[in-house]
């Protein structure tokens, strides 16, 4: 639909483009629990793309950086707690050594198609 690719490999780093889930509610994240559930769903989408692009998740040496763009309700400023939903999912799938990652949680006013969350990921390969 747009003029970009879902991933780009550079040396041993795989960069995943921003992922959204268009079926998510088109309203800002209203509470931490709702946000964590959306973050977990989005993390699973990122993992699915890794699997599709690499064929085998065992090729991942470690996750490097997970970035989340969050459209939160004005009175909710717990971005990092919301992103924990994605981080915990990555740790559950990849384990402590490969799954630990640097992370940013960035509050935004709007996102494509009105979704409340977008994430991108950088992974290092064996």
Protein backbone atom coordinates (compact mmCIF):
# COMPACT_ATOMS: atom_id res chain seq x y z
CA UNK A 1 0.00 0.00 0.00
CA UNK A 2 2.91 2.34 0.60
CA UNK A 3 6.40 2.87 -0.74
CA UNK A 4 8.48 0.95 1.81
CA UNK A 5 9.44 -2.59 2.81
CA UNK A 6 8.50 -4.44 6.01
CA UNK A 7 12.15 -5.15 6.82
CA UNK A 8 15.66 -4.28 5.77
CA UNK A 9 18.79 -6.30 6.52
CA UNK A 10 22.08 -4.44 7.02
CA UNK A 11 25.05 -6.64 7.86
CA UNK A 12 23.72 -8.58 10.89
CA UNK A 13 20.98 -6.13 11.86
CA UNK A 14 17.38 -6.61 10.78
CA UNK A 15 15.24 -3.47 10.96
CA UNK A 16 11.47 -3.96 11.04
CA UNK A 17 9.25 -1.15 9.81
CA UNK A 18 6.58 0.25 12.08
CA UNK A 19 3.78 -2.23 12.71
CA UNK A 20 0.19 -1.37 13.51
CA UNK A 21 -2.88 -3.49 14.06
CA UNK A 22 -5.72 -1.87 12.18
CA UNK A 23 -8.34 -3.81 14.15
CA UNK A 24 -7.28 -2.04 17.35
CA UNK A 25 -9.70 0.56 18.68
CA UNK A 26 -9.32 3.96 17.03
CA UNK A 27 -9.35 5.68 20.41
CA UNK A 28 -6.43 6.69 22.62
CA UNK A 29 -5.20 4.16 25.17
CA UNK A 30 -7.35 4.79 28.24
CA UNK A 31 -5.63 2.62 30.87
CA UNK A 32 -2.44 0.64 31.40
CA UNK A 33 -4.08 -2.82 31.21
CA UNK A 34 -5.76 -2.05 27.87
CA UNK A 35 -2.49 -0.67 26.54
CA UNK A 36 -0.48 -3.68 27.70
CA UNK A 37 -2.90 -6.03 25.93
CA UNK A 38 -2.52 -4.03 22.69
CA UNK A 39 1.27 -3.96 23.14
CA UNK A 40 1.36 -7.74 23.55
CA UNK A 41 -0.70 -8.18 20.37
CA UNK A 42 1.60 -5.86 18.48
CA UNK A 43 4.72 -7.65 19.79
CA UNK A 44 3.29 -10.92 18.47
CA UNK A 45 2.82 -9.23 15.09
CA UNK A 46 6.48 -8.15 15.10
CA UNK A 47 7.52 -11.72 16.00
CA UNK A 48 5.39 -13.01 13.12
CA UNK A 49 7.22 -10.71 10.73
CA UNK A 50 10.58 -11.87 12.09
CA UNK A 51 9.54 -15.49 11.49
CA UNK A 52 8.30 -14.66 7.97
CA UNK A 53 11.43 -12.74 7.01
CA UNK A 54 13.97 -15.14 8.57
CA UNK A 55 12.21 -18.48 8.34
CA UNK A 56 13.63 -19.43 11.74
CA UNK A 57 13.53 -17.37 14.95
CA UNK A 58 16.71 -19.21 16.01
CA UNK A 59 18.63 -16.91 13.67
CA UNK A 60 18.09 -14.07 16.13
CA UNK A 61 21.12 -13.47 18.35
CA UNK A 62 19.46 -10.70 20.35
CA UNK A 63 16.85 -8.02 20.15
CA UNK A 64 18.51 -4.62 20.07
CA UNK A 65 15.81 -1.93 20.23
CA UNK A 66 12.03 -1.85 20.53
CA UNK A 67 10.37 1.49 19.91
CA UNK A 68 6.72 2.19 20.67
CA UNK A 69 4.68 5.18 19.56
CA UNK A 70 1.67 5.52 21.82
CA UNK A 71 -1.44 7.65 21.50
CA UNK A 72 -2.51 7.86 25.13
CA UNK A 73 -5.47 9.53 26.82
CA UNK A 74 -4.41 13.02 27.97
CA UNK A 75 -4.48 12.07 31.67
CA UNK A 76 -2.46 8.85 31.19
CA UNK A 77 1.33 9.23 31.18
CA UNK A 78 2.47 5.68 31.97
CA UNK A 79 3.93 4.96 28.55
CA UNK A 80 6.68 2.71 29.89
CA UNK A 81 4.19 0.53 31.78
CA UNK A 82 2.14 0.10 28.60
CA UNK A 83 5.27 -0.92 26.65
CA UNK A 84 5.98 -3.55 29.29
CA UNK A 85 3.26 -5.62 27.59
CA UNK A 86 5.47 -5.88 24.50
CA UNK A 87 8.73 -6.29 26.42
CA UNK A 88 7.35 -9.14 28.54
CA UNK A 89 6.15 -10.87 25.36
CA UNK A 90 9.60 -10.59 23.78
CA UNK A 91 11.22 -12.01 26.93
CA UNK A 92 8.72 -14.88 27.02
CA UNK A 93 9.46 -15.81 23.40
CA UNK A 94 13.22 -15.17 23.16
CA UNK A 95 14.37 -15.65 26.77
CA UNK A 96 16.37 -13.35 28.99
CA UNK A 97 19.59 -13.31 26.98
CA UNK A 98 18.22 -12.76 23.48
CA UNK A 99 14.98 -11.04 24.47
CA UNK A 100 16.31 -8.17 26.63
CA UNK A 101 16.36 -4.99 24.59
CA UNK A 102 16.77 -1.24 24.71
CA UNK A 103 13.43 0.51 24.47
CA UNK A 104 11.72 3.84 23.86
CA UNK A 105 8.09 4.70 24.56
CA UNK A 106 7.08 7.88 22.76
CA UNK A 107 3.76 9.67 23.18
CA UNK A 108 2.21 10.98 19.96
CA UNK A 109 -0.90 12.91 18.95
CA UNK A 110 -1.87 10.69 16.02
CA UNK A 111 -0.87 7.53 14.15
CA UNK A 112 -1.75 6.00 10.76
CA UNK A 113 -5.39 4.99 10.36
CA UNK A 114 -6.17 6.37 13.82
CA UNK A 115 -4.64 3.43 15.70
CA UNK A 116 -3.41 3.93 19.24
CA UNK A 117 -0.04 2.21 18.91
CA UNK A 118 2.80 1.56 16.45
CA UNK A 119 6.02 -0.37 17.11
CA UNK A 120 9.28 -1.00 15.32
CA UNK A 121 12.10 -3.38 16.15
CA UNK A 122 15.80 -3.89 15.49
CA UNK A 123 17.26 -7.39 15.90
CA UNK A 124 20.80 -8.73 15.56
CA UNK A 125 21.25 -12.03 13.73
CA UNK A 126 23.75 -14.84 14.20
